[in-house]
Amino acid sequence: VLTGQLFEEHAWLDRLPAGSLFVDMHSLGVAGLDRKAIKLATFRLLQHLPGLRRVHVKGSDFGDSFLRAYSARLKHIPVYFYYFCDETHVCDGMRFTSGYAFNIVSEFGANFAGIISDHVRVLEFAAEMIGADIASKVHTLYAHCEMEEAAPARPEPRRRLLWASRLDAQKRPHLVRRIAERLAEEGLDVGIDAYGGTTYGDIGPEVFADAPLLDYRGAYDG
């Protein structure tokens, strides 16, 4: 596992599989390297690492910048890009979608051996917009989540929907609440079990407070 993005502390290192090697390009004993030098050093390392069979790149500031600079020169090594949903922002009541991650797929997808996401619709949309160049490369890989035992759901309604995501504007928890309210209005025998923790602090569990047919069950580890 290699990182070229500067952080004071790297989270979840204890979750790496046994025997993993973690390389922080900013902690190799050479001080003062700029981003261009870090990207070049990363490229040279990948070029000369014996036994390297594939490269997995998660969408990030450094990862995206590295792919822009070197993906065309890594064709001898299969590169798999992890593409998640594009960020959305609300400004003056208008919702805007940032296409930065989509641009990476659109501009450099031809250089990738595979494009992986945890949401099938994200990949379907990208394939529809870009076309046959990436349609054969997309793969949906759902994240494994270990969940603590939750209290049993109410016996009624009998049919349940599961919503699990972050509590922030990008994931639209307000829409989940509106769906629950509409289910109640229509008298449908369907309830919602909602899981999710606050990430950025702008939206909390109170978004679901007193919503009919909706049980908020706390955060989950995923």
Protein backbone atom coordinates (compact mmCIF):
# COMPACT_ATOMS: atom_id res chain seq x y z
CA VAL A 1 0.00 0.00 0.00
CA LEU A 2 1.50 3.30 -1.11
CA THR A 3 0.38 6.83 -0.30
CA GLY A 4 1.67 10.03 -1.81
CA GLN A 5 -0.75 12.36 -0.07
CA LEU A 6 0.51 14.16 3.01
CA PHE A 7 -1.34 13.40 6.25
CA GLU A 8 -0.36 13.93 9.85
CA GLU A 9 -1.84 10.54 10.68
CA HIS A 10 -3.02 7.69 8.47
CA ALA A 11 -6.25 6.05 9.60
CA TRP A 12 -7.08 2.33 9.56
CA LEU A 13 -3.51 1.07 9.20
CA ASP A 14 -4.39 -1.61 11.74
CA ARG A 15 -6.96 -2.95 9.29
CA LEU A 16 -4.47 -3.80 6.57
CA PRO A 17 -4.11 -7.55 5.95
CA ALA A 18 -1.32 -9.37 7.73
CA GLY A 19 1.97 -9.06 5.88
CA SER A 20 1.03 -5.77 4.18
CA LEU A 21 3.73 -3.19 3.51
CA PHE A 22 2.68 0.45 3.95
CA VAL A 23 4.84 3.03 2.16
CA ASP A 24 4.41 6.74 2.87
CA MET A 25 6.26 8.62 0.14
CA HIS A 26 6.62 11.60 2.47
CA SER A 27 8.46 9.56 5.11
CA LEU A 28 11.30 8.06 3.09
CA GLY A 29 13.99 10.31 4.54
CA VAL A 30 14.04 12.89 1.72
CA ALA A 31 12.63 16.16 3.01
CA GLY A 32 11.11 18.92 0.93
CA LEU A 33 9.99 16.94 -2.11
CA ASP A 34 7.20 18.67 -4.02
CA ARG A 35 4.23 16.88 -5.56
CA LYS A 36 5.88 16.57 -8.97
CA ALA A 37 8.88 14.81 -7.44
CA ILE A 38 6.65 12.53 -5.35
CA LYS A 39 4.72 11.49 -8.46
CA LEU A 40 7.93 10.80 -10.38
CA ALA A 41 9.35 8.75 -7.50
CA THR A 42 6.11 6.77 -7.33
CA PHE A 43 6.24 6.09 -11.06
CA ARG A 44 9.86 4.92 -10.92
CA LEU A 45 9.08 2.68 -7.97
CA LEU A 46 6.21 1.03 -9.86
CA GLN A 47 8.40 0.63 -12.93
CA HIS A 48 11.12 -1.25 -11.11
CA LEU A 49 9.24 -3.17 -8.41
CA PRO A 50 9.82 -6.87 -9.23
CA GLY A 51 6.80 -9.12 -9.35
CA LEU A 52 4.28 -6.28 -9.55
CA ARG A 53 1.20 -7.70 -11.27
CA ARG A 54 -1.34 -4.90 -10.97
CA VAL A 55 -1.88 -1.45 -9.46
CA HIS A 56 -5.01 -0.38 -7.62
CA VAL A 57 -5.63 3.37 -7.36
CA LYS A 58 -8.31 4.86 -5.13
CA GLY A 59 -9.73 8.16 -6.29
CA SER A 60 -8.01 10.89 -4.25
CA ASP A 61 -6.18 14.15 -4.71
CA PHE A 62 -2.80 12.46 -5.15
CA GLY A 63 -4.12 9.36 -6.92
CA ASP A 64 -5.99 11.39 -9.53
CA SER A 65 -3.03 13.70 -10.09
CA PHE A 66 -0.70 10.71 -10.49
CA LEU A 67 -2.99 9.09 -13.07
CA ARG A 68 -3.20 12.31 -15.06
CA ALA A 69 0.59 12.40 -15.26
CA TYR A 70 1.52 8.72 -15.67
CA SER A 71 -1.42 6.41 -16.50
CA ALA A 72 -0.50 6.37 -20.20
CA ARG A 73 3.03 5.24 -19.28
CA LEU A 74 1.86 2.38 -17.04
CA LYS A 75 0.24 0.30 -19.74
CA HIS A 76 2.64 -2.57 -19.05
CA ILE A 77 0.99 -2.91 -15.61
CA PRO A 78 -2.80 -3.39 -15.32
CA VAL A 79 -4.24 -0.39 -13.46
CA TYR A 80 -7.57 -0.64 -11.62
CA PHE A 81 -9.24 2.64 -10.67
CA TYR A 82 -11.72 2.86 -7.77
CA TYR A 83 -14.44 5.30 -8.78
CA PHE A 84 -17.01 6.42 -6.21
CA CYS A 85 -19.95 8.77 -6.60
CA ASP A 86 -19.20 12.34 -7.62
CA GLU A 87 -19.51 14.87 -4.82
CA THR A 88 -22.60 17.07 -4.69
CA HIS A 89 -22.92 20.49 -3.11
CA VAL A 90 -25.87 22.73 -2.32
CA CYS A 91 -25.50 26.45 -2.94
CA ASP A 92 -28.38 28.93 -2.69
CA GLY A 93 -30.82 26.04 -2.73
CA MET A 94 -29.37 24.62 -5.97
CA ARG A 95 -27.68 21.22 -6.11
CA PHE A 96 -24.42 20.97 -8.06
CA THR A 97 -22.45 17.85 -8.94
CA SER A 98 -18.66 17.96 -9.15
CA GLY A 99 -17.51 15.91 -12.12
CA TYR A 100 -13.87 15.67 -11.05
CA ALA A 101 -13.85 11.91 -10.50
CA PHE A 102 -15.95 11.35 -13.62
CA ASN A 103 -13.39 13.34 -15.61
CA ILE A 104 -10.65 10.90 -14.56
CA VAL A 105 -12.69 7.98 -15.90
CA SER A 106 -13.64 9.86 -19.05
CA GLU A 107 -10.15 11.13 -19.89
CA PHE A 108 -8.02 8.18 -18.79
CA GLY A 109 -10.38 5.18 -18.73
CA ALA A 110 -8.75 3.84 -21.89
CA ASN A 111 -5.55 3.35 -19.86
CA PHE A 112 -7.26 1.32 -17.11
CA ALA A 113 -7.63 -2.45 -17.01
CA GLY A 114 -10.70 -2.06 -14.80
CA ILE A 115 -12.92 0.55 -13.15
CA ILE A 116 -14.39 -0.50 -9.81
CA SER A 117 -17.17 1.04 -7.73
CA ASP A 118 -19.40 0.05 -4.84
CA HIS A 119 -22.50 1.33 -6.66
CA VAL A 120 -23.68 -0.27 -9.89
CA ARG A 121 -25.59 2.81 -11.02
CA VAL A 122 -22.46 4.97 -10.81
CA LEU A 123 -20.77 2.65 -13.30
CA GLU A 124 -23.83 2.33 -15.52
CA PHE A 125 -24.07 6.11 -15.77
CA ALA A 126 -20.38 6.43 -16.62
CA ALA A 127 -20.66 3.75 -19.31
CA GLU A 128 -23.75 5.44 -20.77
CA MET A 129 -21.98 8.80 -20.92
CA ILE A 130 -18.60 7.58 -22.19
CA GLY A 131 -19.61 4.59 -24.28
CA ALA A 132 -18.06 1.30 -25.31
CA ASP A 133 -14.53 2.37 -24.34
CA ILE A 134 -15.18 1.54 -20.68
CA ALA A 135 -18.35 -0.59 -20.73
CA SER A 136 -16.36 -3.84 -20.67
CA LYS A 137 -14.07 -2.62 -17.87
CA VAL A 138 -16.55 -1.74 -15.13
CA HIS A 139 -16.98 -3.95 -12.05
CA THR A 140 -19.21 -3.51 -9.00
CA LEU A 141 -17.59 -4.52 -5.71
CA TYR A 142 -19.73 -3.98 -2.64
CA ALA A 143 -17.96 -3.11 0.59
CA HIS A 144 -18.02 -5.63 3.42
CA CYS A 145 -19.44 -4.10 6.58
CA GLU A 146 -19.30 -5.65 10.02
CA MET A 147 -22.27 -4.45 12.03
CA GLU A 148 -23.00 -4.63 15.69
CA GLU A 149 -26.11 -6.48 16.73
CA ALA A 150 -29.05 -4.10 16.52
CA ALA A 151 -32.30 -4.09 18.39
CA PRO A 152 -34.98 -6.07 16.56
CA ALA A 153 -37.15 -4.08 14.21
CA ARG A 154 -40.73 -3.35 15.10
CA PRO A 155 -43.05 -6.21 14.12
CA GLU A 156 -44.96 -3.82 11.87
CA PRO A 157 -44.64 -3.01 9.07
CA ARG A 158 -43.69 -6.41 7.75
CA ARG A 159 -41.70 -5.20 4.73
CA ARG A 160 -38.46 -3.36 5.41
CA LEU A 161 -36.14 -1.18 3.34
CA LEU A 162 -32.48 -0.74 4.32
CA TRP A 163 -30.66 2.58 3.93
CA ALA A 164 -26.99 2.65 4.96
CA SER A 165 -24.79 5.63 4.20
CA ARG A 166 -23.07 8.70 5.60
CA LEU A 167 -25.18 11.45 7.12
CA ASP A 168 -24.20 14.30 4.84
CA ALA A 169 -25.84 16.28 2.05
CA GLN A 170 -24.20 14.21 -0.68
CA LYS A 171 -26.08 11.09 0.45
CA ARG A 172 -29.43 12.94 0.75
CA PRO A 173 -30.81 11.62 4.05
CA HIS A 174 -33.56 14.25 3.81
CA LEU A 175 -34.88 12.33 0.81
CA VAL A 176 -35.03 9.14 2.89
CA ARG A 177 -37.17 10.99 5.43
CA ARG A 178 -39.50 12.23 2.68
CA ILE A 179 -39.84 8.68 1.37
CA ALA A 180 -40.81 7.48 4.86
CA GLU A 181 -43.39 10.25 5.14
CA ARG A 182 -44.81 9.36 1.75
CA LEU A 183 -45.02 5.68 2.70
CA ALA A 184 -47.03 6.67 5.76
CA GLU A 185 -49.29 8.92 3.71
CA GLU A 186 -50.00 6.10 1.27
CA GLY A 187 -50.63 3.63 4.10
CA LEU A 188 -48.11 1.15 2.71
CA ASP A 189 -46.87 -1.78 4.76
CA VAL A 190 -43.22 -0.77 4.35
CA GLY A 191 -40.75 0.59 6.90
CA ILE A 192 -37.17 1.87 6.65
CA ASP A 193 -34.16 0.84 8.76
CA ALA A 194 -31.58 3.64 8.48
CA TYR A 195 -27.91 3.29 9.43
CA GLY A 196 -25.26 5.99 9.19
CA GLY A 197 -22.92 8.20 11.17
CA THR A 198 -22.14 11.89 10.94
CA THR A 199 -18.99 12.54 8.90
CA TYR A 200 -18.68 16.26 8.34
CA GLY A 201 -20.94 17.47 11.15
CA ASP A 202 -23.45 19.34 9.00
CA ILE A 203 -26.19 16.70 9.34
CA GLY A 204 -26.87 14.45 12.33
CA PRO A 205 -29.33 11.73 13.34
CA GLU A 206 -31.93 14.41 14.09
CA VAL A 207 -32.68 14.45 10.37
CA PHE A 208 -34.72 11.29 11.03
CA ALA A 209 -36.35 12.46 14.29
CA ASP A 210 -40.03 11.49 14.60
CA ALA A 211 -40.17 10.29 10.99
CA PRO A 212 -42.99 7.76 10.53
CA LEU A 213 -42.11 4.19 9.57
CA LEU A 214 -38.39 4.94 9.94
CA ASP A 215 -36.07 3.41 12.55
CA TYR A 216 -32.63 5.02 12.87
CA ARG A 217 -30.24 2.32 14.14
CA GLY A 218 -27.01 4.25 14.54
CA ALA A 219 -23.69 4.23 12.72
CA TYR A 220 -22.03 1.24 11.14
CA ASP A 221 -18.44 0.30 10.50
CA GLY A 222 -17.88 0.50 6.80
